PDB file of N, CA and C in Angstrom:
ATOM      1  N   UNK A   1      46.683 111.647  70.417  1.00  0.00           N
ATOM      2  CA  UNK A   1      46.475 112.642  71.434  1.00  0.00           C
ATOM      3  C   UNK A   1      47.760 112.754  72.261  1.00  0.00           C
ATOM      4  N   UNK A   2      48.134 113.998  72.593  1.00  0.00           N
ATOM      5  CA  UNK A   2      49.322 114.220  73.409  1.00  0.00           C
ATOM      6  C   UNK A   2      48.946 115.066  74.617  1.00  0.00           C
ATOM      7  N   UNK A   3      49.609 114.804  75.733  1.00  0.00           N
ATOM      8  CA  UNK A   3      49.347 115.524  76.979  1.00  0.00           C
ATOM      9  C   UNK A   3      50.347 116.676  77.091  1.00  0.00           C
ATOM     10  N   UNK A   4      49.830 117.885  77.330  1.00  0.00           N
ATOM     11  CA  UNK A   4      50.659 119.081  77.460  1.00  0.00           C
ATOM     12  C   UNK A   4      50.250 119.855  78.710  1.00  0.00           C
ATOM     13  N   UNK A   5      50.985 120.936  78.996  1.00  0.00           N
ATOM     14  CA  UNK A   5      50.738 121.734  80.192  1.00  0.00           C
ATOM     15  C   UNK A   5      50.587 123.200  79.811  1.00  0.00           C
ATOM     16  N   UNK A   6      49.485 123.810  80.219  1.00  0.00           N
ATOM     17  CA  UNK A   6      49.302 125.247  80.013  1.00  0.00           C
ATOM     18  C   UNK A   6      50.263 126.008  80.917  1.00  0.00           C
ATOM     19  N   UNK A   7      50.467 127.289  80.659  1.00  0.00           N
ATOM     20  CA  UNK A   7      51.377 128.088  81.466  1.00  0.00           C
ATOM     21  C   UNK A   7      50.956 128.145  82.930  1.00  0.00           C
ATOM     22  N   UNK A   8      49.652 128.015  83.212  1.00  0.00           N
ATOM     23  CA  UNK A   8      49.169 128.062  84.590  1.00  0.00           C
ATOM     24  C   UNK A   8      49.299 126.719  85.308  1.00  0.00           C
ATOM     25  N   UNK A   9      49.875 125.715  84.636  1.00  0.00           N
ATOM     26  CA  UNK A   9      50.093 124.400  85.229  1.00  0.00           C
ATOM     27  C   UNK A   9      49.000 123.385  84.953  1.00  0.00           C
ATOM     28  N   UNK A  10      47.902 123.809  84.352  1.00  0.00           N
ATOM     29  CA  UNK A  10      46.808 122.883  84.041  1.00  0.00           C
ATOM     30  C   UNK A  10      47.229 121.937  82.917  1.00  0.00           C
ATOM     31  N   UNK A  11      47.011 120.655  83.139  1.00  0.00           N
ATOM     32  CA  UNK A  11      47.331 119.646  82.124  1.00  0.00           C
ATOM     33  C   UNK A  11      46.133 119.491  81.197  1.00  0.00           C
ATOM     34  N   UNK A  12      46.384 119.230  79.927  1.00  0.00           N
ATOM     35  CA  UNK A  12      45.310 118.989  78.970  1.00  0.00           C
ATOM     36  C   UNK A  12      45.830 118.073  77.874  1.00  0.00           C
ATOM     37  N   UNK A  13      44.908 117.554  77.097  1.00  0.00           N
ATOM     38  CA  UNK A  13      45.250 116.654  75.993  1.00  0.00           C
ATOM     39  C   UNK A  13      44.763 117.286  74.700  1.00  0.00           C
ATOM     40  N   UNK A  14      45.611 117.274  73.691  1.00  0.00           N
ATOM     41  CA  UNK A  14      45.254 117.845  72.392  1.00  0.00           C
ATOM     42  C   UNK A  14      45.498 116.789  71.305  1.00  0.00           C
ATOM     43  N   UNK A  15      44.682 116.827  70.290  1.00  0.00           N
ATOM     44  CA  UNK A  15      44.867 115.941  69.141  1.00  0.00           C
ATOM     45  C   UNK A  15      46.069 116.455  68.359  1.00  0.00           C
ATOM     46  N   UNK A  16      47.142 115.692  68.331  1.00  0.00           N
ATOM     47  CA  UNK A  16      48.376 116.115  67.682  1.00  0.00           C
ATOM     48  C   UNK A  16      48.177 116.383  66.192  1.00  0.00           C
ATOM     49  N   UNK A  17      47.198 115.749  65.580  1.00  0.00           N
ATOM     50  CA  UNK A  17      46.967 115.946  64.153  1.00  0.00           C
ATOM     51  C   UNK A  17      46.349 117.313  63.847  1.00  0.00           C
ATOM     52  N   UNK A  18      45.885 118.019  64.879  1.00  0.00           N
ATOM     53  CA  UNK A  18      45.295 119.339  64.677  1.00  0.00           C
ATOM     54  C   UNK A  18      46.318 120.467  64.787  1.00  0.00           C
ATOM     55  N   UNK A  19      47.556 120.140  65.176  1.00  0.00           N
ATOM     56  CA  UNK A  19      48.582 121.169  65.329  1.00  0.00           C
ATOM     57  C   UNK A  19      49.106 121.570  63.950  1.00  0.00           C
ATOM     58  N   UNK A  20      49.035 122.874  63.668  1.00  0.00           N
ATOM     59  CA  UNK A  20      49.510 123.403  62.398  1.00  0.00           C
ATOM     60  C   UNK A  20      50.912 123.981  62.538  1.00  0.00           C
ATOM     61  N   UNK A  21      51.150 124.777  63.604  1.00  0.00           N
ATOM     62  CA  UNK A  21      52.454 125.399  63.849  1.00  0.00           C
ATOM     63  C   UNK A  21      52.827 125.261  65.309  1.00  0.00           C
ATOM     64  N   UNK A  22      54.131 125.179  65.572  1.00  0.00           N
ATOM     65  CA  UNK A  22      54.677 125.271  66.918  1.00  0.00           C
ATOM     66  C   UNK A  22      55.754 126.346  66.857  1.00  0.00           C
ATOM     67  N   UNK A  23      55.586 127.406  67.680  1.00  0.00           N
ATOM     68  CA  UNK A  23      56.542 128.513  67.694  1.00  0.00           C
ATOM     69  C   UNK A  23      57.054 128.711  69.112  1.00  0.00           C
ATOM     70  N   UNK A  24      58.280 129.178  69.246  1.00  0.00           N
ATOM     71  CA  UNK A  24      58.827 129.545  70.544  1.00  0.00           C
ATOM     72  C   UNK A  24      59.035 131.056  70.540  1.00  0.00           C
ATOM     73  N   UNK A  25      58.205 131.795  71.308  1.00  0.00           N
ATOM     74  CA  UNK A  25      58.158 133.265  71.203  1.00  0.00           C
ATOM     75  C   UNK A  25      58.208 134.031  72.521  1.00  0.00           C
ATOM     76  N   UNK A  26      58.894 133.867  73.580  1.00  0.00           N
ATOM     77  CA  UNK A  26      59.783 132.745  73.890  1.00  0.00           C
ATOM     78  C   UNK A  26      59.034 131.539  74.450  1.00  0.00           C
ATOM     79  N   UNK A  27      57.812 131.729  75.002  1.00  0.00           N
ATOM     80  CA  UNK A  27      57.039 130.548  75.410  1.00  0.00           C
ATOM     81  C   UNK A  27      56.590 129.802  74.159  1.00  0.00           C
ATOM     82  N   UNK A  28      56.263 128.538  74.314  1.00  0.00           N
ATOM     83  CA  UNK A  28      55.856 127.730  73.167  1.00  0.00           C
ATOM     84  C   UNK A  28      54.392 127.991  72.859  1.00  0.00           C
ATOM     85  N   UNK A  29      54.137 128.362  71.614  1.00  0.00           N
ATOM     86  CA  UNK A  29      52.791 128.699  71.153  1.00  0.00           C
ATOM     87  C   UNK A  29      52.378 127.697  70.080  1.00  0.00           C
ATOM     88  N   UNK A  30      51.269 127.003  70.342  1.00  0.00           N
ATOM     89  CA  UNK A  30      50.702 126.092  69.349  1.00  0.00           C
ATOM     90  C   UNK A  30      49.609 126.829  68.591  1.00  0.00           C
ATOM     91  N   UNK A  31      49.601 126.692  67.292  1.00  0.00           N
ATOM     92  CA  UNK A  31      48.490 127.171  66.483  1.00  0.00           C
ATOM     93  C   UNK A  31      47.837 125.938  65.881  1.00  0.00           C
ATOM     94  N   UNK A  32      46.546 125.782  66.156  1.00  0.00           N
ATOM     95  CA  UNK A  32      45.815 124.631  65.635  1.00  0.00           C
ATOM     96  C   UNK A  32      45.237 124.948  64.265  1.00  0.00           C
ATOM     97  N   UNK A  33      44.792 123.932  63.567  1.00  0.00           N
ATOM     98  CA  UNK A  33      44.256 124.121  62.214  1.00  0.00           C
ATOM     99  C   UNK A  33      43.084 125.079  62.157  1.00  0.00           C
ATOM    100  N   UNK A  34      42.289 125.142  63.232  1.00  0.00           N
ATOM    101  CA  UNK A  34      41.123 126.041  63.233  1.00  0.00           C
ATOM    102  C   UNK A  34      41.491 127.467  63.642  1.00  0.00           C
ATOM    103  N   UNK A  35      42.792 127.732  63.872  1.00  0.00           N
ATOM    104  CA  UNK A  35      43.251 129.068  64.226  1.00  0.00           C
ATOM    105  C   UNK A  35      43.389 129.292  65.722  1.00  0.00           C
ATOM    106  N   UNK A  36      42.890 128.366  66.549  1.00  0.00           N
ATOM    107  CA  UNK A  36      43.032 128.507  67.997  1.00  0.00           C
ATOM    108  C   UNK A  36      44.512 128.479  68.357  1.00  0.00           C
ATOM    109  N   UNK A  37      44.904 129.301  69.331  1.00  0.00           N
ATOM    110  CA  UNK A  37      46.296 129.367  69.764  1.00  0.00           C
ATOM    111  C   UNK A  37      46.373 129.043  71.248  1.00  0.00           C
ATOM    112  N   UNK A  38      47.357 128.219  71.613  1.00  0.00           N
ATOM    113  CA  UNK A  38      47.514 127.762  72.988  1.00  0.00           C
ATOM    114  C   UNK A  38      48.989 127.872  73.374  1.00  0.00           C
ATOM    115  N   UNK A  39      49.270 128.519  74.512  1.00  0.00           N
ATOM    116  CA  UNK A  39      50.637 128.578  75.026  1.00  0.00           C
ATOM    117  C   UNK A  39      50.832 127.420  75.993  1.00  0.00           C
ATOM    118  N   UNK A  40      51.995 126.758  75.881  1.00  0.00           N
ATOM    119  CA  UNK A  40      52.286 125.605  76.721  1.00  0.00           C
ATOM    120  C   UNK A  40      53.676 125.734  77.340  1.00  0.00           C
ATOM    121  N   UNK A  41      53.897 124.981  78.421  1.00  0.00           N
ATOM    122  CA  UNK A  41      55.192 124.991  79.114  1.00  0.00           C
ATOM    123  C   UNK A  41      56.254 124.185  78.386  1.00  0.00           C
ATOM    124  N   UNK A  42      55.854 123.161  77.666  1.00  0.00           N
ATOM    125  CA  UNK A  42      56.817 122.295  76.983  1.00  0.00           C
ATOM    126  C   UNK A  42      57.542 123.085  75.889  1.00  0.00           C
ATOM    127  N   UNK A  43      58.767 122.681  75.599  1.00  0.00           N
ATOM    128  CA  UNK A  43      59.520 123.312  74.509  1.00  0.00           C
ATOM    129  C   UNK A  43      58.963 122.862  73.160  1.00  0.00           C
ATOM    130  N   UNK A  44      59.337 123.559  72.120  1.00  0.00           N
ATOM    131  CA  UNK A  44      58.929 123.155  70.781  1.00  0.00           C
ATOM    132  C   UNK A  44      59.426 121.763  70.438  1.00  0.00           C
ATOM    133  N   UNK A  45      60.649 121.457  70.866  1.00  0.00           N
ATOM    134  CA  UNK A  45      61.201 120.121  70.606  1.00  0.00           C
ATOM    135  C   UNK A  45      60.406 119.033  71.333  1.00  0.00           C
ATOM    136  N   UNK A  46      59.965 119.324  72.560  1.00  0.00           N
ATOM    137  CA  UNK A  46      59.173 118.348  73.314  1.00  0.00           C
ATOM    138  C   UNK A  46      57.813 118.123  72.652  1.00  0.00           C
ATOM    139  N   UNK A  47      57.195 119.198  72.182  1.00  0.00           N
ATOM    140  CA  UNK A  47      55.901 119.063  71.501  1.00  0.00           C
ATOM    141  C   UNK A  47      56.081 118.256  70.215  1.00  0.00           C
ATOM    142  N   UNK A  48      57.132 118.578  69.459  1.00  0.00           N
ATOM    143  CA  UNK A  48      57.385 117.857  68.205  1.00  0.00           C
ATOM    144  C   UNK A  48      57.643 116.375  68.466  1.00  0.00           C
ATOM    145  N   UNK A  49      58.421 116.059  69.507  1.00  0.00           N
ATOM    146  CA  UNK A  49      58.715 114.662  69.831  1.00  0.00           C
ATOM    147  C   UNK A  49      57.439 113.917  70.240  1.00  0.00           C
ATOM    148  N   UNK A  50      56.592 114.565  71.027  1.00  0.00           N
ATOM    149  CA  UNK A  50      55.337 113.928  71.441  1.00  0.00           C
ATOM    150  C   UNK A  50      54.431 113.691  70.235  1.00  0.00           C
ATOM    151  N   UNK A  51      54.346 114.678  69.341  1.00  0.00           N
ATOM    152  CA  UNK A  51      53.502 114.542  68.147  1.00  0.00           C
ATOM    153  C   UNK A  51      54.037 113.436  67.237  1.00  0.00           C
ATOM    154  N   UNK A  52      55.350 113.369  67.099  1.00  0.00           N
ATOM    155  CA  UNK A  52      55.951 112.327  66.273  1.00  0.00           C
ATOM    156  C   UNK A  52      55.713 110.945  66.885  1.00  0.00           C
ATOM    157  N   UNK A  53      55.858 110.840  68.208  1.00  0.00           N
ATOM    158  CA  UNK A  53      55.579 109.569  68.888  1.00  0.00           C
ATOM    159  C   UNK A  53      54.141 109.137  68.691  1.00  0.00           C
ATOM    160  N   UNK A  54      53.222 110.094  68.787  1.00  0.00           N
ATOM    161  CA  UNK A  54      51.803 109.793  68.556  1.00  0.00           C
ATOM    162  C   UNK A  54      51.595 109.284  67.123  1.00  0.00           C
ATOM    163  N   UNK A  55      52.171 109.988  66.149  1.00  0.00           N
ATOM    164  CA  UNK A  55      51.993 109.611  64.743  1.00  0.00           C
ATOM    165  C   UNK A  55      52.547 108.212  64.470  1.00  0.00           C
ATOM    166  N   UNK A  56      53.707 107.929  65.028  1.00  0.00           N
ATOM    167  CA  UNK A  56      54.300 106.594  64.838  1.00  0.00           C
ATOM    168  C   UNK A  56      53.413 105.508  65.432  1.00  0.00           C
ATOM    169  N   UNK A  57      52.934 105.748  66.646  1.00  0.00           N
ATOM    170  CA  UNK A  57      52.090 104.751  67.317  1.00  0.00           C
ATOM    171  C   UNK A  57      50.772 104.544  66.571  1.00  0.00           C
ATOM    172  N   UNK A  58      50.224 105.626  66.024  1.00  0.00           N
ATOM    173  CA  UNK A  58      48.948 105.533  65.313  1.00  0.00           C
ATOM    174  C   UNK A  58      49.093 104.821  63.972  1.00  0.00           C
ATOM    175  N   UNK A  59      50.217 105.023  63.312  1.00  0.00           N
ATOM    176  CA  UNK A  59      50.399 104.472  61.976  1.00  0.00           C
ATOM    177  C   UNK A  59      51.108 103.120  61.943  1.00  0.00           C
ATOM    178  N   UNK A  60      51.913 102.868  62.967  1.00  0.00           N
ATOM    179  CA  UNK A  60      52.696 101.627  63.029  1.00  0.00           C
ATOM    180  C   UNK A  60      52.539 100.963  64.388  1.00  0.00           C
ATOM    181  N   UNK A  61      51.351 100.442  64.674  1.00  0.00           N
ATOM    182  CA  UNK A  61      51.143  99.814  65.995  1.00  0.00           C
ATOM    183  C   UNK A  61      52.069  98.609  66.145  1.00  0.00           C
ATOM    184  N   UNK A  62      52.406  98.261  67.394  1.00  0.00           N
ATOM    185  CA  UNK A  62      53.296  97.099  67.611  1.00  0.00           C
ATOM    186  C   UNK A  62      52.647  95.820  67.110  1.00  0.00           C
ATOM    187  N   UNK A  63      53.483  94.933  66.656  1.00  0.00           N
ATOM    188  CA  UNK A  63      53.022  93.620  66.180  1.00  0.00           C
ATOM    189  C   UNK A  63      52.528  92.798  67.371  1.00  0.00           C
ATOM    190  N   UNK A  64      51.431  92.061  67.204  1.00  0.00           N
ATOM    191  CA  UNK A  64      50.974  91.192  68.300  1.00  0.00           C
ATOM    192  C   UNK A  64      51.992  90.087  68.574  1.00  0.00           C
ATOM    193  N   UNK A  65      52.104  89.717  69.827  1.00  0.00           N
ATOM    194  CA  UNK A  65      53.105  88.696  70.219  1.00  0.00           C
ATOM    195  C   UNK A  65      52.621  87.300  69.920  1.00  0.00           C
TER     196      UNK A  65
END
C-alpha cells in the first residue's frame, strides 16, 4: 500500500499492485486494473518509486536481527 495525495489535498492509500498505468497529462493520472482513474499530486517518478519500495518491502522483508 502506498500513500498518495488527490489534487484537492486529500490523502489516501492505494494498493500499489492494482496500478496498471501512470501517466503525466500534465497532472499524474493513475489507471487501476479495474479501470478506475485517479489524479494525484505526486509526479509519475514519485509514484513509481513508492510502488517499487512497496514491492521490495513485500517481497524481500528485512532479515531478523
